[in-house]
């Protein structure tokens, strides 16, 4: 028998959580339910923000939570 814990330590869990968070900052089920608060357009995940496909506003994702405030949205260039 060993004296090592069966579960990862707190530091190991934080590292594992951060790795999975960096790959996918937003749950796809949540994304499917969200719409742009300005125009109700469809949103697409782009890195650490959500982009509205209709009005090209970008909403930041902070600590895994989308900040869906129109006044804090960034105006993005339209896609070609």
PDB file of N, CA and C in Angstrom:
ATOM      1  N   UNK A   1       0.822  -1.184   0.000  1.00  0.00           N
ATOM      2  CA  UNK A   1       0.000   0.000   0.000  1.00  0.00           C
ATOM      3  C   UNK A   1       0.868   1.251   0.000  1.00  0.00           C
ATOM      4  N   UNK A   2       0.416   2.288  -0.694  1.00  0.00           N
ATOM      5  CA  UNK A   2       1.170   3.539  -0.718  1.00  0.00           C
ATOM      6  C   UNK A   2       0.425   4.601   0.065  1.00  0.00           C
ATOM      7  N   UNK A   3       1.163   5.643   0.424  1.00  0.00           N
ATOM      8  CA  UNK A   3       0.571   6.763   1.154  1.00  0.00           C
ATOM      9  C   UNK A   3       0.117   7.880   0.224  1.00  0.00           C
ATOM     10  N   UNK A   4       0.200   7.662  -1.082  1.00  0.00           N
ATOM     11  CA  UNK A   4      -0.204   8.687  -2.025  1.00  0.00           C
ATOM     12  C   UNK A   4      -1.725   8.770  -2.114  1.00  0.00           C
ATOM     13  N   UNK A   5      -2.262   9.991  -2.240  1.00  0.00           N
ATOM     14  CA  UNK A   5      -3.713  10.123  -2.345  1.00  0.00           C
ATOM     15  C   UNK A   5      -4.231   9.537  -3.660  1.00  0.00           C
ATOM     16  N   UNK A   6      -5.442   9.006  -3.620  1.00  0.00           N
ATOM     17  CA  UNK A   6      -6.041   8.399  -4.808  1.00  0.00           C
ATOM     18  C   UNK A   6      -6.529   9.450  -5.790  1.00  0.00           C
ATOM     19  N   UNK A   7      -6.779  10.653  -5.314  1.00  0.00           N
ATOM     20  CA  UNK A   7      -7.301  11.730  -6.150  1.00  0.00           C
ATOM     21  C   UNK A   7      -6.212  12.760  -6.411  1.00  0.00           C
ATOM     22  N   UNK A   8      -6.308  13.499  -7.515  1.00  0.00           N
ATOM     23  CA  UNK A   8      -5.304  14.522  -7.788  1.00  0.00           C
ATOM     24  C   UNK A   8      -5.312  15.586  -6.697  1.00  0.00           C
ATOM     25  N   UNK A   9      -4.152  16.165  -6.460  1.00  0.00           N
ATOM     26  CA  UNK A   9      -4.061  17.238  -5.473  1.00  0.00           C
ATOM     27  C   UNK A   9      -4.788  18.472  -5.990  1.00  0.00           C
ATOM     28  N   UNK A  10      -4.977  19.435  -5.127  1.00  0.00           N
ATOM     29  CA  UNK A  10      -5.652  20.681  -5.496  1.00  0.00           C
ATOM     30  C   UNK A  10      -4.931  21.361  -6.652  1.00  0.00           C
ATOM     31  N   UNK A  11      -3.595  21.394  -6.596  1.00  0.00           N
ATOM     32  CA  UNK A  11      -2.815  22.024  -7.668  1.00  0.00           C
ATOM     33  C   UNK A  11      -2.988  21.284  -8.987  1.00  0.00           C
ATOM     34  N   UNK A  12      -3.012  19.949  -8.932  1.00  0.00           N
ATOM     35  CA  UNK A  12      -3.193  19.165 -10.151  1.00  0.00           C
ATOM     36  C   UNK A  12      -4.578  19.388 -10.744  1.00  0.00           C
ATOM     37  N   UNK A  13      -5.611  19.460  -9.892  1.00  0.00           N
ATOM     38  CA  UNK A  13      -6.968  19.707 -10.373  1.00  0.00           C
ATOM     39  C   UNK A  13      -7.054  21.071 -11.041  1.00  0.00           C
ATOM     40  N   UNK A  14      -6.437  22.094 -10.431  1.00  0.00           N
ATOM     41  CA  UNK A  14      -6.465  23.435 -11.023  1.00  0.00           C
ATOM     42  C   UNK A  14      -5.839  23.422 -12.404  1.00  0.00           C
ATOM     43  N   UNK A  15      -4.732  22.706 -12.555  1.00  0.00           N
ATOM     44  CA  UNK A  15      -4.057  22.623 -13.843  1.00  0.00           C
ATOM     45  C   UNK A  15      -4.932  21.892 -14.853  1.00  0.00           C
ATOM     46  N   UNK A  16      -5.544  20.774 -14.448  1.00  0.00           N
ATOM     47  CA  UNK A  16      -6.408  20.019 -15.347  1.00  0.00           C
ATOM     48  C   UNK A  16      -7.620  20.849 -15.747  1.00  0.00           C
ATOM     49  N   UNK A  17      -8.231  21.556 -14.796  1.00  0.00           N
ATOM     50  CA  UNK A  17      -9.384  22.399 -15.100  1.00  0.00           C
ATOM     51  C   UNK A  17      -8.999  23.504 -16.073  1.00  0.00           C
ATOM     52  N   UNK A  18      -7.835  24.105 -15.895  1.00  0.00           N
ATOM     53  CA  UNK A  18      -7.394  25.196 -16.766  1.00  0.00           C
ATOM     54  C   UNK A  18      -7.150  24.690 -18.177  1.00  0.00           C
ATOM     55  N   UNK A  19      -6.581  23.494 -18.316  1.00  0.00           N
ATOM     56  CA  UNK A  19      -6.323  22.938 -19.642  1.00  0.00           C
ATOM     57  C   UNK A  19      -7.634  22.742 -20.388  1.00  0.00           C
ATOM     58  N   UNK A  20      -8.639  22.138 -19.746  1.00  0.00           N
ATOM     59  CA  UNK A  20      -9.900  21.914 -20.432  1.00  0.00           C
ATOM     60  C   UNK A  20     -10.617  23.233 -20.690  1.00  0.00           C
ATOM     61  N   UNK A  21     -10.486  24.210 -19.790  1.00  0.00           N
ATOM     62  CA  UNK A  21     -11.110  25.514 -19.983  1.00  0.00           C
ATOM     63  C   UNK A  21     -10.478  26.239 -21.168  1.00  0.00           C
ATOM     64  N   UNK A  22      -9.163  26.142 -21.327  1.00  0.00           N
ATOM     65  CA  UNK A  22      -8.488  26.819 -22.432  1.00  0.00           C
ATOM     66  C   UNK A  22      -8.925  26.263 -23.785  1.00  0.00           C
ATOM     67  N   UNK A  23      -9.239  24.985 -23.844  1.00  0.00           N
ATOM     68  CA  UNK A  23      -9.645  24.386 -25.113  1.00  0.00           C
ATOM     69  C   UNK A  23     -11.075  24.750 -25.489  1.00  0.00           C
ATOM     70  N   UNK A  24     -11.957  24.854 -24.514  1.00  0.00           N
ATOM     71  CA  UNK A  24     -13.359  25.143 -24.787  1.00  0.00           C
ATOM     72  C   UNK A  24     -13.896  26.032 -23.663  1.00  0.00           C
ATOM     73  N   UNK A  25     -13.831  27.352 -23.841  1.00  0.00           N
ATOM     74  CA  UNK A  25     -14.218  28.248 -22.757  1.00  0.00           C
ATOM     75  C   UNK A  25     -15.715  28.331 -22.507  1.00  0.00           C
ATOM     76  N   UNK A  26     -16.531  27.712 -23.349  1.00  0.00           N
ATOM     77  CA  UNK A  26     -17.971  27.812 -23.187  1.00  0.00           C
ATOM     78  C   UNK A  26     -18.640  26.492 -23.546  1.00  0.00           C
ATOM     79  N   UNK A  27     -19.563  26.073 -22.727  1.00  0.00           N
ATOM     80  CA  UNK A  27     -20.306  24.832 -22.951  1.00  0.00           C
ATOM     81  C   UNK A  27     -21.138  24.967 -24.232  1.00  0.00           C
ATOM     82  N   UNK A  28     -21.017  24.040 -25.181  1.00  0.00           N
ATOM     83  CA  UNK A  28     -21.784  24.132 -26.435  1.00  0.00           C
ATOM     84  C   UNK A  28     -23.304  24.153 -26.219  1.00  0.00           C
ATOM     85  N   UNK A  29     -23.787  23.486 -25.174  1.00  0.00           N
ATOM     86  CA  UNK A  29     -25.231  23.513 -24.891  1.00  0.00           C
ATOM     87  C   UNK A  29     -25.681  24.922 -24.502  1.00  0.00           C
ATOM     88  N   UNK A  30     -24.841  25.637 -23.760  1.00  0.00           N
ATOM     89  CA  UNK A  30     -25.156  27.013 -23.393  1.00  0.00           C
ATOM     90  C   UNK A  30     -25.116  27.910 -24.628  1.00  0.00           C
ATOM     91  N   UNK A  31     -24.111  27.745 -25.457  1.00  0.00           N
ATOM     92  CA  UNK A  31     -23.985  28.549 -26.668  1.00  0.00           C
ATOM     93  C   UNK A  31     -25.217  28.420 -27.557  1.00  0.00           C
ATOM     94  N   UNK A  32     -25.770  27.232 -27.654  1.00  0.00           N
ATOM     95  CA  UNK A  32     -26.946  27.001 -28.498  1.00  0.00           C
ATOM     96  C   UNK A  32     -28.170  27.764 -28.003  1.00  0.00           C
ATOM     97  N   UNK A  33     -28.191  28.133 -26.733  1.00  0.00           N
ATOM     98  CA  UNK A  33     -29.335  28.835 -26.156  1.00  0.00           C
ATOM     99  C   UNK A  33     -29.176  30.357 -26.160  1.00  0.00           C
ATOM    100  N   UNK A  34     -27.981  30.846 -26.466  1.00  0.00           N
ATOM    101  CA  UNK A  34     -27.722  32.283 -26.411  1.00  0.00           C
ATOM    102  C   UNK A  34     -28.009  32.966 -27.748  1.00  0.00           C
ATOM    103  N   UNK A  35     -28.382  34.237 -27.670  1.00  0.00           N
ATOM    104  CA  UNK A  35     -28.563  35.073 -28.860  1.00  0.00           C
ATOM    105  C   UNK A  35     -28.002  36.453 -28.542  1.00  0.00           C
ATOM    106  N   UNK A  36     -27.660  37.195 -29.558  1.00  0.00           N
ATOM    107  CA  UNK A  36     -27.144  38.552 -29.392  1.00  0.00           C
ATOM    108  C   UNK A  36     -28.216  39.407 -28.704  1.00  0.00           C
ATOM    109  N   UNK A  37     -27.876  40.093 -27.626  1.00  0.00           N
ATOM    110  CA  UNK A  37     -28.875  40.923 -26.950  1.00  0.00           C
ATOM    111  C   UNK A  37     -29.234  42.189 -27.731  1.00  0.00           C
ATOM    112  N   UNK A  38     -28.432  42.558 -28.711  1.00  0.00           N
ATOM    113  CA  UNK A  38     -28.710  43.762 -29.503  1.00  0.00           C
ATOM    114  C   UNK A  38     -29.675  43.488 -30.653  1.00  0.00           C
ATOM    115  N   UNK A  39     -29.473  42.363 -31.369  1.00  0.00           N
ATOM    116  CA  UNK A  39     -30.283  42.103 -32.564  1.00  0.00           C
ATOM    117  C   UNK A  39     -30.895  40.707 -32.588  1.00  0.00           C
ATOM    118  N   UNK A  40     -30.610  39.902 -31.566  1.00  0.00           N
ATOM    119  CA  UNK A  40     -31.112  38.530 -31.450  1.00  0.00           C
ATOM    120  C   UNK A  40     -30.532  37.594 -32.507  1.00  0.00           C
ATOM    121  N   UNK A  41     -29.388  37.981 -33.067  1.00  0.00           N
ATOM    122  CA  UNK A  41     -28.730  37.153 -34.065  1.00  0.00           C
ATOM    123  C   UNK A  41     -28.021  35.958 -33.454  1.00  0.00           C
ATOM    124  N   UNK A  42     -27.629  35.032 -34.313  1.00  0.00           N
ATOM    125  CA  UNK A  42     -26.907  33.828 -33.901  1.00  0.00           C
ATOM    126  C   UNK A  42     -25.485  34.185 -33.492  1.00  0.00           C
ATOM    127  N   UNK A  43     -24.983  33.506 -32.467  1.00  0.00           N
ATOM    128  CA  UNK A  43     -23.631  33.748 -31.971  1.00  0.00           C
ATOM    129  C   UNK A  43     -22.727  32.582 -32.322  1.00  0.00           C
ATOM    130  N   UNK A  44     -21.452  32.910 -32.598  1.00  0.00           N
ATOM    131  CA  UNK A  44     -20.441  31.883 -32.880  1.00  0.00           C
ATOM    132  C   UNK A  44     -19.254  32.116 -31.963  1.00  0.00           C
ATOM    133  N   UNK A  45     -18.703  31.048 -31.431  1.00  0.00           N
ATOM    134  CA  UNK A  45     -17.540  31.123 -30.560  1.00  0.00           C
ATOM    135  C   UNK A  45     -16.297  31.395 -31.385  1.00  0.00           C
ATOM    136  N   UNK A  46     -15.562  32.450 -31.022  1.00  0.00           N
ATOM    137  CA  UNK A  46     -14.284  32.785 -31.666  1.00  0.00           C
ATOM    138  C   UNK A  46     -13.271  33.078 -30.571  1.00  0.00           C
ATOM    139  N   UNK A  47     -12.474  32.093 -30.238  1.00  0.00           N
ATOM    140  CA  UNK A  47     -11.478  32.276 -29.193  1.00  0.00           C
ATOM    141  C   UNK A  47     -12.135  32.549 -27.854  1.00  0.00           C
ATOM    142  N   UNK A  48     -11.845  33.731 -27.285  1.00  0.00           N
ATOM    143  CA  UNK A  48     -12.385  34.095 -25.972  1.00  0.00           C
ATOM    144  C   UNK A  48     -13.528  35.099 -26.101  1.00  0.00           C
ATOM    145  N   UNK A  49     -14.284  34.996 -27.194  1.00  0.00           N
ATOM    146  CA  UNK A  49     -15.441  35.883 -27.350  1.00  0.00           C
ATOM    147  C   UNK A  49     -16.503  35.199 -28.200  1.00  0.00           C
ATOM    148  N   UNK A  50     -17.702  35.764 -28.131  1.00  0.00           N
ATOM    149  CA  UNK A  50     -18.809  35.333 -28.975  1.00  0.00           C
ATOM    150  C   UNK A  50     -19.027  36.412 -30.028  1.00  0.00           C
ATOM    151  N   UNK A  51     -19.126  36.015 -31.286  1.00  0.00           N
ATOM    152  CA  UNK A  51     -19.361  36.955 -32.376  1.00  0.00           C
ATOM    153  C   UNK A  51     -20.786  36.769 -32.877  1.00  0.00           C
ATOM    154  N   UNK A  52     -21.499  37.896 -33.013  1.00  0.00           N
ATOM    155  CA  UNK A  52     -22.835  37.850 -33.595  1.00  0.00           C
ATOM    156  C   UNK A  52     -22.678  37.804 -35.112  1.00  0.00           C
ATOM    157  N   UNK A  53     -23.303  36.828 -35.732  1.00  0.00           N
ATOM    158  CA  UNK A  53     -23.205  36.684 -37.181  1.00  0.00           C
ATOM    159  C   UNK A  53     -24.033  37.734 -37.918  1.00  0.00           C
ATOM    160  N   UNK A  54     -25.015  38.345 -37.250  1.00  0.00           N
ATOM    161  CA  UNK A  54     -25.872  39.331 -37.898  1.00  0.00           C
ATOM    162  C   UNK A  54     -25.307  40.750 -37.816  1.00  0.00           C
ATOM    163  N   UNK A  55     -24.911  41.185 -36.623  1.00  0.00           N
ATOM    164  CA  UNK A  55     -24.492  42.587 -36.458  1.00  0.00           C
ATOM    165  C   UNK A  55     -22.997  42.753 -36.180  1.00  0.00           C
ATOM    166  N   UNK A  56     -22.253  41.663 -36.109  1.00  0.00           N
ATOM    167  CA  UNK A  56     -20.794  41.664 -35.924  1.00  0.00           C
ATOM    168  C   UNK A  56     -20.332  42.288 -34.610  1.00  0.00           C
ATOM    169  N   UNK A  57     -21.124  42.160 -33.563  1.00  0.00           N
ATOM    170  CA  UNK A  57     -20.652  42.560 -32.239  1.00  0.00           C
ATOM    171  C   UNK A  57     -19.901  41.378 -31.632  1.00  0.00           C
ATOM    172  N   UNK A  58     -18.871  41.691 -30.853  1.00  0.00           N
ATOM    173  CA  UNK A  58     -18.107  40.664 -30.156  1.00  0.00           C
ATOM    174  C   UNK A  58     -18.296  40.801 -28.659  1.00  0.00           C
ATOM    175  N   UNK A  59     -18.734  39.740 -28.018  1.00  0.00           N
ATOM    176  CA  UNK A  59     -18.971  39.729 -26.573  1.00  0.00           C
ATOM    177  C   UNK A  59     -17.881  38.906 -25.907  1.00  0.00           C
ATOM    178  N   UNK A  60     -17.151  39.478 -24.937  1.00  0.00           N
ATOM    179  CA  UNK A  60     -16.056  38.740 -24.302  1.00  0.00           C
ATOM    180  C   UNK A  60     -16.573  37.626 -23.401  1.00  0.00           C
ATOM    181  N   UNK A  61     -15.730  36.604 -23.237  1.00  0.00           N
ATOM    182  CA  UNK A  61     -16.002  35.528 -22.293  1.00  0.00           C
ATOM    183  C   UNK A  61     -14.967  35.679 -21.183  1.00  0.00           C
ATOM    184  N   UNK A  62     -15.425  35.935 -19.976  1.00  0.00           N
ATOM    185  CA  UNK A  62     -14.541  36.162 -18.835  1.00  0.00           C
ATOM    186  C   UNK A  62     -14.747  35.041 -17.827  1.00  0.00           C
ATOM    187  N   UNK A  63     -13.687  34.290 -17.556  1.00  0.00           N
ATOM    188  CA  UNK A  63     -13.749  33.157 -16.628  1.00  0.00           C
ATOM    189  C   UNK A  63     -14.878  32.192 -16.979  1.00  0.00           C
ATOM    190  N   UNK A  64     -15.080  31.953 -18.269  1.00  0.00           N
ATOM    191  CA  UNK A  64     -16.080  31.005 -18.728  1.00  0.00           C
ATOM    192  C   UNK A  64     -17.494  31.550 -18.783  1.00  0.00           C
ATOM    193  N   UNK A  65     -17.661  32.846 -18.493  1.00  0.00           N
ATOM    194  CA  UNK A  65     -18.990  33.454 -18.475  1.00  0.00           C
ATOM    195  C   UNK A  65     -19.073  34.509 -19.578  1.00  0.00           C
ATOM    196  N   UNK A  66     -19.991  34.366 -20.515  1.00  0.00           N
ATOM    197  CA  UNK A  66     -20.132  35.379 -21.553  1.00  0.00           C
ATOM    198  C   UNK A  66     -20.703  36.677 -20.973  1.00  0.00           C
ATOM    199  N   UNK A  67     -20.063  37.788 -21.301  1.00  0.00           N
ATOM    200  CA  UNK A  67     -20.512  39.101 -20.846  1.00  0.00           C
ATOM    201  C   UNK A  67     -21.400  39.665 -21.954  1.00  0.00           C
ATOM    202  N   UNK A  68     -22.699  39.475 -21.786  1.00  0.00           N
ATOM    203  CA  UNK A  68     -23.671  39.809 -22.827  1.00  0.00           C
ATOM    204  C   UNK A  68     -24.289  41.186 -22.576  1.00  0.00           C
ATOM    205  N   UNK A  69     -23.439  42.189 -22.479  1.00  0.00           N
ATOM    206  CA  UNK A  69     -23.868  43.568 -22.261  1.00  0.00           C
ATOM    207  C   UNK A  69     -23.539  44.346 -23.530  1.00  0.00           C
ATOM    208  N   UNK A  70     -24.553  44.892 -24.167  1.00  0.00           N
ATOM    209  CA  UNK A  70     -24.372  45.554 -25.460  1.00  0.00           C
ATOM    210  C   UNK A  70     -23.333  46.674 -25.362  1.00  0.00           C
ATOM    211  N   UNK A  71     -23.373  47.443 -24.286  1.00  0.00           N
ATOM    212  CA  UNK A  71     -22.432  48.560 -24.129  1.00  0.00           C
ATOM    213  C   UNK A  71     -20.985  48.101 -23.982  1.00  0.00           C
ATOM    214  N   UNK A  72     -20.768  46.859 -23.608  1.00  0.00           N
ATOM    215  CA  UNK A  72     -19.407  46.333 -23.471  1.00  0.00           C
ATOM    216  C   UNK A  72     -18.971  45.531 -24.686  1.00  0.00           C
ATOM    217  N   UNK A  73     -19.852  45.382 -25.658  1.00  0.00           N
ATOM    218  CA  UNK A  73     -19.519  44.622 -26.863  1.00  0.00           C
ATOM    219  C   UNK A  73     -18.552  45.409 -27.733  1.00  0.00           C
ATOM    220  N   UNK A  74     -17.751  44.680 -28.450  1.00  0.00           N
ATOM    221  CA  UNK A  74     -16.785  45.272 -29.387  1.00  0.00           C
ATOM    222  C   UNK A  74     -17.359  45.164 -30.796  1.00  0.00           C
ATOM    223  N   UNK A  75     -17.283  46.228 -31.566  1.00  0.00           N
ATOM    224  CA  UNK A  75     -17.741  46.171 -32.955  1.00  0.00           C
ATOM    225  C   UNK A  75     -16.630  45.522 -33.776  1.00  0.00           C
ATOM    226  N   UNK A  76     -16.946  44.441 -34.441  1.00  0.00           N
ATOM    227  CA  UNK A  76     -15.985  43.702 -35.255  1.00  0.00           C
ATOM    228  C   UNK A  76     -16.281  43.949 -36.729  1.00  0.00           C
ATOM    229  N   UNK A  77     -15.254  43.794 -37.540  1.00  0.00           N
ATOM    230  CA  UNK A  77     -15.447  43.918 -38.982  1.00  0.00           C
ATOM    231  C   UNK A  77     -16.317  42.770 -39.478  1.00  0.00           C
ATOM    232  N   UNK A  78     -17.110  43.044 -40.474  1.00  0.00           N
ATOM    233  CA  UNK A  78     -17.921  41.980 -41.098  1.00  0.00           C
ATOM    234  C   UNK A  78     -16.995  40.984 -41.753  1.00  0.00           C
ATOM    235  N   UNK A  79     -17.391  39.732 -41.718  1.00  0.00           N
ATOM    236  CA  UNK A  79     -16.605  38.694 -42.369  1.00  0.00           C
ATOM    237  C   UNK A  79     -16.836  38.747 -43.868  1.00  0.00           C
ATOM    238  N   UNK A  80     -15.812  38.395 -44.645  1.00  0.00           N
ATOM    239  CA  UNK A  80     -15.982  38.403 -46.105  1.00  0.00           C
ATOM    240  C   UNK A  80     -16.981  37.381 -46.578  1.00  0.00           C
TER     241      UNK A  80
END
